[in-house]
Amino acid sequence: MAVGIIKRLVSEKGFGFIRSLNGGDELFFHRSAVRFGTYEDLTEGDRVTYEETRTDKGLRAENVRPE
């Protein structure tokens, strides 16, 4: 699993972006990708683990878990 920081949350739309600690592009994630907690529990700057998944729209984070 990769490790990153919640860079931005768009609460009214239910998605956000994660910045990987290894560098690279920011990854989109949807509220349905959050595990072991809820989207509402996340705040910008939180450290999370996640899995990268390639979709037709690019990379996105799945199985997002707060650390």
C-alpha atoms as a PDB file:
ATOM      1  CA  MET A   1       0.000   0.000   0.000  1.00  0.00           C
ATOM      2  CA  ALA A   2       1.112   3.526  -0.731  1.00  0.00           C
ATOM      3  CA  VAL A   3       1.208   6.330   1.842  1.00  0.00           C
ATOM      4  CA  GLY A   4       0.060   9.883   1.254  1.00  0.00           C
ATOM      5  CA  ILE A   5      -1.458  13.042   2.699  1.00  0.00           C
ATOM      6  CA  ILE A   6      -4.984  14.351   2.074  1.00  0.00           C
ATOM      7  CA  LYS A   7      -4.245  17.428  -0.012  1.00  0.00           C
ATOM      8  CA  ARG A   8      -7.777  18.672  -0.667  1.00  0.00           C
ATOM      9  CA  LEU A   9     -11.334  17.659   0.176  1.00  0.00           C
ATOM     10  CA  VAL A  10     -14.405  18.785  -1.749  1.00  0.00           C
ATOM     11  CA  SER A  11     -16.966  17.868   0.895  1.00  0.00           C
ATOM     12  CA  GLU A  12     -20.052  19.117  -0.922  1.00  0.00           C
ATOM     13  CA  LYS A  13     -19.266  16.763  -3.829  1.00  0.00           C
ATOM     14  CA  GLY A  14     -17.844  13.837  -1.810  1.00  0.00           C
ATOM     15  CA  PHE A  15     -14.348  13.525  -3.241  1.00  0.00           C
ATOM     16  CA  GLY A  16     -10.786  14.600  -2.602  1.00  0.00           C
ATOM     17  CA  PHE A  17      -7.155  14.358  -3.646  1.00  0.00           C
ATOM     18  CA  ILE A  18      -4.177  12.594  -2.087  1.00  0.00           C
ATOM     19  CA  ARG A  19      -0.538  13.648  -2.476  1.00  0.00           C
ATOM     20  CA  SER A  20       1.783  10.650  -2.400  1.00  0.00           C
ATOM     21  CA  LEU A  21       4.738  10.801  -0.016  1.00  0.00           C
ATOM     22  CA  ASN A  22       6.804   9.248  -2.845  1.00  0.00           C
ATOM     23  CA  GLY A  23       6.099  12.152  -5.199  1.00  0.00           C
ATOM     24  CA  GLY A  24       4.186  11.945  -8.433  1.00  0.00           C
ATOM     25  CA  ASP A  25       0.738  13.150  -9.386  1.00  0.00           C
ATOM     26  CA  GLU A  26      -2.104  13.816  -6.998  1.00  0.00           C
ATOM     27  CA  LEU A  27      -4.650  11.004  -6.918  1.00  0.00           C
ATOM     28  CA  PHE A  28      -8.402  11.473  -6.991  1.00  0.00           C
ATOM     29  CA  PHE A  29     -10.528   9.500  -4.533  1.00  0.00           C
ATOM     30  CA  HIS A  30     -14.281   9.222  -4.039  1.00  0.00           C
ATOM     31  CA  ARG A  31     -15.961   8.988  -0.635  1.00  0.00           C
ATOM     32  CA  SER A  32     -16.903   5.365  -1.437  1.00  0.00           C
ATOM     33  CA  ALA A  33     -13.165   4.470  -1.483  1.00  0.00           C
ATOM     34  CA  VAL A  34     -12.699   5.182   2.260  1.00  0.00           C
ATOM     35  CA  ARG A  35     -12.297   2.127   4.513  1.00  0.00           C
ATOM     36  CA  PHE A  36     -12.082   1.903   8.343  1.00  0.00           C
ATOM     37  CA  GLY A  37     -13.855   5.166   8.986  1.00  0.00           C
ATOM     38  CA  THR A  38     -15.906   7.566   6.933  1.00  0.00           C
ATOM     39  CA  TYR A  39     -15.192  10.341   4.475  1.00  0.00           C
ATOM     40  CA  GLU A  40     -16.485  12.806   7.071  1.00  0.00           C
ATOM     41  CA  ASP A  41     -13.725  11.692   9.488  1.00  0.00           C
ATOM     42  CA  LEU A  42     -10.991  12.886   7.091  1.00  0.00           C
ATOM     43  CA  THR A  43      -9.419  16.346   7.171  1.00  0.00           C
ATOM     44  CA  GLU A  44      -6.854  17.982   4.936  1.00  0.00           C
ATOM     45  CA  GLY A  45      -3.349  17.054   6.079  1.00  0.00           C
ATOM     46  CA  ASP A  46      -4.334  13.598   7.379  1.00  0.00           C
ATOM     47  CA  ARG A  47      -1.945  10.768   6.574  1.00  0.00           C
ATOM     48  CA  VAL A  48      -3.561   7.821   4.768  1.00  0.00           C
ATOM     49  CA  THR A  49      -2.673   4.552   3.071  1.00  0.00           C
ATOM     50  CA  TYR A  50      -4.267   3.601  -0.238  1.00  0.00           C
ATOM     51  CA  GLU A  51      -4.017   1.480  -3.356  1.00  0.00           C
ATOM     52  CA  GLU A  52      -3.543   3.011  -6.801  1.00  0.00           C
ATOM     53  CA  THR A  53      -5.969   1.907  -9.491  1.00  0.00           C
ATOM     54  CA  ARG A  54      -5.779   2.829 -13.166  1.00  0.00           C
ATOM     55  CA  THR A  55      -9.112   3.811 -14.732  1.00  0.00           C
ATOM     56  CA  ASP A  56     -10.071   5.223 -18.108  1.00  0.00           C
ATOM     57  CA  LYS A  57      -9.811   8.692 -16.464  1.00  0.00           C
ATOM     58  CA  GLY A  58      -6.343   8.084 -15.024  1.00  0.00           C
ATOM     59  CA  LEU A  59      -5.038   6.978 -11.644  1.00  0.00           C
ATOM     60  CA  ARG A  60      -7.296   7.028  -8.610  1.00  0.00           C
ATOM     61  CA  ALA A  61      -6.970   5.945  -4.992  1.00  0.00           C
ATOM     62  CA  GLU A  62      -8.996   3.013  -3.647  1.00  0.00           C
ATOM     63  CA  ASN A  63      -9.149   1.430  -0.186  1.00  0.00           C
ATOM     64  CA  VAL A  64      -8.201   4.724   1.475  1.00  0.00           C
ATOM     65  CA  ARG A  65      -7.464   4.120   5.162  1.00  0.00           C
ATOM     66  CA  PRO A  66      -6.593   6.745   7.771  1.00  0.00           C
ATOM     67  CA  GLU A  67      -3.342   5.996   9.624  1.00  0.00           C
END
